[in-house]
Amino acid sequence: MSPTWPTSITKVEPNRLLLRGYRIDELMGEISFAHVIFLTLTGELPTEKQTRMIDAILVSSIDHGVTPPSCQAARTATLTGSPTNAALAAGILSISRHHGGAIGNCMEVLNKAVRQKRESGKTAERQAQSTAVEYQEKKRRIPGFGHRFHTRDPRAIKLFTLAHKLGFAAEHIEMAQAFETALENVHGRKLPLNVDGAIAAVLGDLGLPPDLGNAFFIMARVPGLVAHIREERQRMKPMRHLDPKQHEYDGPPERKLDLQKDA
């Protein structure tokens, strides 16, 4: 008989599925998908405040239009006739070091800076300045800062506002904000925190490891990619020349959020 190997995620038995010890049918309709994502990744159910923070992270990166490489890859695969699974795989496979990878990479930088701050007794501002100078001398870029579209990324602002409101803002968020000032001092121009950097800081203060950073981006982006794949198939001709600079938005104009709750 072959030796067994362990897994602590899901137990499958006839008529019973246990996810981290909880029956999946009992979780259904009782807790949100964000709840279950946190449970699946960490092994424990999150608090309501943790769930709100995780949910906000997932919403923040659900889509960024047709220009990101993942969207272009997914649409390109679709216009050649690829089925949804293949087109989605093409999009996900383009999420790597330079697209989506900034979250995990920024988490590494923030973790190291926070650790050095604790060891040296420096303020966050002094440590951020020291790290920014070090990266400049090595001609390396600190990930998570600057954006090709946004000079003040509204998603980053909202994530930090929510983190402060929910009581999660701690050393990693403090360090990320200190880096904004330090990078402006070093480079002589503003390099504002982008959504990847904000997610990195929030995940760090939630105690999650850097190797999950890229995974959160992928989980968030999948619904957006599916929508683009479906739109490409429904509205566009096969084998067209896809020029992302030539697109024109024709969806609904900006509208206010009106939450309708069931009675």
Protein backbone atom coordinates (compact mmCIF):
# COMPACT_ATOMS: atom_id res chain seq x y z
CA MET A 1 0.00 0.00 0.00
CA SER A 2 1.36 3.43 -0.94
CA PRO A 3 2.20 5.79 1.93
CA THR A 4 -0.25 8.62 2.42
CA TRP A 5 0.57 12.30 2.13
CA PRO A 6 -1.07 15.07 4.17
CA THR A 7 -3.39 17.91 3.22
CA SER A 8 -5.15 20.14 5.73
CA ILE A 9 -7.45 22.00 3.33
CA THR A 10 -10.47 19.91 2.37
CA LYS A 11 -11.76 16.54 3.52
CA VAL A 12 -14.00 14.77 1.02
CA GLU A 13 -16.29 11.96 2.16
CA PRO A 14 -19.56 10.60 0.78
CA ASN A 15 -22.22 13.27 1.33
CA ARG A 16 -19.87 15.48 3.36
CA LEU A 17 -17.28 18.13 2.45
CA LEU A 18 -15.17 19.76 5.16
CA LEU A 19 -13.22 22.94 4.35
CA ARG A 20 -10.68 23.58 7.10
CA GLY A 21 -13.02 21.56 9.33
CA TYR A 22 -16.23 23.40 8.42
CA ARG A 23 -18.99 21.78 6.37
CA ILE A 24 -19.20 23.61 3.07
CA ASP A 25 -22.98 23.22 2.91
CA GLU A 26 -23.22 24.94 6.32
CA LEU A 27 -21.01 27.82 5.14
CA MET A 28 -23.17 28.35 2.03
CA GLY A 29 -25.58 31.27 2.38
CA GLU A 30 -24.19 32.13 5.81
CA ILE A 31 -20.83 33.74 5.09
CA SER A 32 -19.43 35.67 2.13
CA PHE A 33 -16.93 34.53 -0.48
CA ALA A 34 -14.34 36.83 1.10
CA HIS A 35 -14.91 34.98 4.39
CA VAL A 36 -14.25 31.67 2.69
CA ILE A 37 -11.17 32.91 0.84
CA PHE A 38 -9.60 33.97 4.14
CA LEU A 39 -10.59 30.64 5.74
CA THR A 40 -9.18 28.63 2.85
CA LEU A 41 -5.86 30.48 2.82
CA THR A 42 -5.26 30.81 6.57
CA GLY A 43 -7.22 27.95 8.11
CA GLU A 44 -9.33 30.21 10.31
CA LEU A 45 -12.51 32.22 9.82
CA PRO A 46 -11.92 35.98 9.73
CA THR A 47 -13.62 38.55 11.88
CA GLU A 48 -16.25 40.75 10.26
CA LYS A 49 -13.73 43.59 10.06
CA GLN A 50 -11.12 41.37 8.44
CA THR A 51 -13.73 40.23 5.93
CA ARG A 52 -14.62 43.81 5.01
CA MET A 53 -10.94 44.55 4.44
CA ILE A 54 -10.35 41.45 2.31
CA ASP A 55 -13.52 42.17 0.33
CA ALA A 56 -12.37 45.75 -0.34
CA ILE A 57 -9.01 44.46 -1.58
CA LEU A 58 -10.71 42.07 -4.01
CA VAL A 59 -13.05 44.77 -5.31
CA SER A 60 -10.19 47.25 -5.75
CA SER A 61 -8.45 45.13 -8.40
CA ILE A 62 -11.38 43.54 -10.19
CA ASP A 63 -10.63 45.36 -13.46
CA HIS A 64 -8.62 48.22 -14.96
CA GLY A 65 -9.93 48.43 -18.48
CA VAL A 66 -8.62 46.96 -21.72
CA THR A 67 -5.01 48.13 -21.55
CA PRO A 68 -3.47 45.79 -18.90
CA PRO A 69 -1.49 42.86 -20.36
CA SER A 70 -3.80 40.28 -18.78
CA CYS A 71 -6.83 41.78 -20.50
CA GLN A 72 -5.06 42.06 -23.84
CA ALA A 73 -3.90 38.45 -23.59
CA ALA A 74 -7.38 37.19 -22.69
CA ARG A 75 -9.07 39.16 -25.47
CA THR A 76 -6.42 38.14 -28.01
CA ALA A 77 -6.92 34.46 -27.18
CA THR A 78 -10.69 34.94 -27.45
CA LEU A 79 -10.58 36.60 -30.88
CA THR A 80 -8.64 33.63 -32.23
CA GLY A 81 -11.48 31.32 -31.20
CA SER A 82 -10.14 30.02 -27.89
CA PRO A 83 -12.74 28.85 -25.36
CA THR A 84 -13.24 30.69 -22.08
CA ASN A 85 -10.93 28.47 -20.05
CA ALA A 86 -8.04 28.93 -22.48
CA ALA A 87 -8.58 32.68 -22.82
CA LEU A 88 -8.80 33.05 -19.04
CA ALA A 89 -5.63 31.00 -18.64
CA ALA A 90 -3.86 33.28 -21.14
CA GLY A 91 -4.85 36.30 -19.09
CA ILE A 92 -3.81 34.78 -15.79
CA LEU A 93 -0.49 33.57 -17.18
CA SER A 94 0.40 37.17 -18.07
CA ILE A 95 0.09 38.17 -14.40
CA SER A 96 3.61 37.92 -13.13
CA ARG A 97 6.55 40.00 -11.96
CA HIS A 98 5.71 43.22 -13.83
CA HIS A 99 1.90 42.91 -13.86
CA GLY A 100 0.31 42.15 -10.50
CA GLY A 101 3.61 41.04 -9.00
CA ALA A 102 4.15 44.44 -7.41
CA ILE A 103 1.94 43.45 -4.47
CA GLY A 104 4.16 40.63 -3.24
CA ASN A 105 7.34 42.51 -4.13
CA CYS A 106 6.16 45.59 -2.23
CA MET A 107 5.26 43.40 0.74
CA GLU A 108 8.86 42.15 0.80
CA VAL A 109 10.19 45.73 0.84
CA LEU A 110 7.75 46.84 3.53
CA ASN A 111 8.44 43.79 5.69
CA LYS A 112 12.17 44.40 5.55
CA ALA A 113 11.81 48.11 6.26
CA VAL A 114 9.51 47.47 9.22
CA ARG A 115 11.93 44.88 10.59
CA GLN A 116 14.90 47.27 10.21
CA LYS A 117 12.88 50.04 11.87
CA ARG A 118 12.20 47.84 14.87
CA GLU A 119 15.82 46.73 15.15
CA SER A 120 17.34 50.20 14.77
CA GLY A 121 14.77 52.19 16.70
CA LYS A 122 14.41 54.60 13.79
CA THR A 123 11.17 56.34 12.95
CA ALA A 124 9.26 55.13 9.91
CA GLU A 125 10.23 58.34 8.12
CA ARG A 126 13.97 57.87 8.71
CA GLN A 127 13.86 54.19 7.74
CA ALA A 128 11.89 54.93 4.58
CA GLN A 129 14.36 57.64 3.61
CA SER A 130 17.29 55.28 4.17
CA THR A 131 15.69 52.53 2.10
CA ALA A 132 14.71 54.93 -0.70
CA VAL A 133 18.30 56.19 -0.94
CA GLU A 134 19.59 52.61 -0.99
CA TYR A 135 17.29 51.67 -3.87
CA GLN A 136 18.21 54.83 -5.76
CA GLU A 137 21.91 54.10 -5.45
CA LYS A 138 21.33 50.58 -6.77
CA LYS A 139 19.12 52.00 -9.56
CA ARG A 140 16.25 49.84 -8.39
CA ARG A 141 12.58 50.81 -8.22
CA ILE A 142 10.49 50.29 -5.10
CA PRO A 143 7.34 48.52 -6.33
CA GLY A 144 3.89 49.80 -5.47
CA PHE A 145 4.53 53.49 -6.15
CA GLY A 146 3.67 55.54 -9.23
CA HIS A 147 1.01 54.79 -11.84
CA ARG A 148 0.73 55.33 -15.59
CA PHE A 149 -2.81 56.75 -15.23
CA HIS A 150 -3.39 57.94 -11.69
CA THR A 151 -1.59 60.72 -9.85
CA ARG A 152 -3.69 59.93 -6.75
CA ASP A 153 -4.96 56.38 -7.00
CA PRO A 154 -8.49 56.54 -5.54
CA ARG A 155 -8.41 52.83 -4.71
CA ALA A 156 -5.28 53.22 -2.57
CA ILE A 157 -6.83 56.16 -0.74
CA LYS A 158 -10.03 54.19 -0.02
CA LEU A 159 -8.15 51.10 1.18
CA PHE A 160 -6.13 53.12 3.69
CA THR A 161 -9.20 55.06 4.82
CA LEU A 162 -11.02 51.79 5.44
CA ALA A 163 -8.00 50.24 7.17
CA HIS A 164 -7.86 53.17 9.59
CA LYS A 165 -11.62 52.99 10.15
CA LEU A 166 -11.52 49.26 10.89
CA GLY A 167 -8.44 49.51 13.11
CA PHE A 168 -6.01 47.63 10.88
CA ALA A 169 -3.63 50.49 10.08
CA ALA A 170 -0.31 49.61 11.70
CA GLU A 171 3.39 49.54 10.87
CA HIS A 172 3.14 48.50 7.24
CA ILE A 173 0.68 51.24 6.32
CA GLU A 174 2.75 53.72 8.30
CA MET A 175 5.85 52.64 6.38
CA ALA A 176 4.08 52.81 3.00
CA GLN A 177 2.98 56.38 3.70
CA ALA A 178 6.50 57.29 4.83
CA PHE A 179 7.84 55.92 1.54
CA GLU A 180 5.69 58.37 -0.43
CA THR A 181 7.49 61.29 1.20
CA ALA A 182 10.89 59.62 1.02
CA LEU A 183 10.57 58.82 -2.67
CA GLU A 184 9.58 62.38 -3.45
CA ASN A 185 12.65 63.59 -1.52
CA VAL A 186 14.97 61.21 -3.36
CA HIS A 187 13.55 61.52 -6.88
CA GLY A 188 12.38 65.13 -6.77
CA ARG A 189 8.90 64.21 -7.96
CA LYS A 190 5.83 62.56 -6.54
CA LEU A 191 5.54 58.79 -6.85
CA PRO A 192 2.18 58.25 -5.19
CA LEU A 193 1.20 54.96 -3.67
CA ASN A 194 -0.81 52.88 -6.14
CA VAL A 195 -3.38 50.19 -5.43
CA ASP A 196 -0.74 47.43 -5.47
CA GLY A 197 1.29 49.22 -2.81
CA ALA A 198 -1.81 49.87 -0.72
CA ILE A 199 -2.85 46.21 -0.92
CA ALA A 200 0.68 45.19 0.05
CA ALA A 201 0.59 47.40 3.14
CA VAL A 202 -2.88 46.25 4.20
CA LEU A 203 -2.04 42.56 3.71
CA GLY A 204 1.10 43.12 5.75
CA ASP A 205 -0.85 44.65 8.61
CA LEU A 206 -3.33 41.76 8.38
CA GLY A 207 -0.38 39.43 8.98
CA LEU A 208 -0.49 37.70 5.60
CA PRO A 209 2.75 36.60 3.87
CA PRO A 210 4.20 38.11 0.65
CA ASP A 211 3.77 34.89 -1.33
CA LEU A 212 0.00 35.51 -1.29
CA GLY A 213 0.29 39.00 -2.80
CA ASN A 214 0.19 37.93 -6.43
CA ALA A 215 -2.54 35.42 -5.60
CA PHE A 216 -4.82 38.16 -4.31
CA PHE A 217 -4.37 40.08 -7.56
CA ILE A 218 -5.24 36.97 -9.59
CA MET A 219 -8.32 36.18 -7.47
CA ALA A 220 -9.53 39.76 -7.81
CA ARG A 221 -8.92 40.04 -11.56
CA VAL A 222 -10.61 36.81 -12.70
CA PRO A 223 -14.20 38.23 -12.86
CA GLY A 224 -12.98 41.23 -14.88
CA LEU A 225 -11.17 38.96 -17.32
CA VAL A 226 -14.26 36.79 -17.73
CA ALA A 227 -16.30 39.91 -18.53
CA HIS A 228 -13.77 41.01 -21.17
CA ILE A 229 -13.67 37.53 -22.70
CA ARG A 230 -17.46 37.45 -22.95
CA GLU A 231 -17.65 40.98 -24.40
CA GLU A 232 -14.97 40.17 -26.97
CA ARG A 233 -16.88 37.11 -28.08
CA GLN A 234 -20.27 38.83 -28.18
CA ARG A 235 -19.42 42.25 -29.65
CA MET A 236 -16.29 41.86 -31.75
CA LYS A 237 -15.39 40.07 -34.96
CA PRO A 238 -12.95 37.13 -34.84
CA MET A 239 -9.33 37.75 -35.81
CA ARG A 240 -9.63 41.54 -35.54
CA HIS A 241 -6.61 43.76 -34.97
CA LEU A 242 -6.73 44.58 -31.26
CA ASP A 243 -5.33 48.04 -30.56
CA PRO A 244 -5.98 48.91 -26.88
CA LYS A 245 -5.34 52.59 -27.55
CA GLN A 246 -8.29 52.77 -29.95
CA HIS A 247 -10.99 51.65 -27.54
CA GLU A 248 -13.94 53.85 -26.56
CA TYR A 249 -16.07 53.33 -23.45
CA ASP A 250 -19.81 53.13 -24.19
CA GLY A 251 -21.10 51.73 -20.89
CA PRO A 252 -23.31 53.50 -18.33
CA PRO A 253 -22.26 57.00 -17.20
CA GLU A 254 -21.13 57.46 -13.62
CA ARG A 255 -23.93 56.59 -11.23
CA LYS A 256 -24.41 56.63 -7.47
CA LEU A 257 -24.38 53.46 -5.40
CA ASP A 258 -27.87 52.64 -4.14
CA LEU A 259 -27.81 49.59 -1.91
CA GLN A 260 -31.14 47.78 -1.95
CA LYS A 261 -31.49 45.31 0.89
CA ASP A 262 -34.02 42.50 0.93
CA ALA A 263 -36.80 42.95 3.47
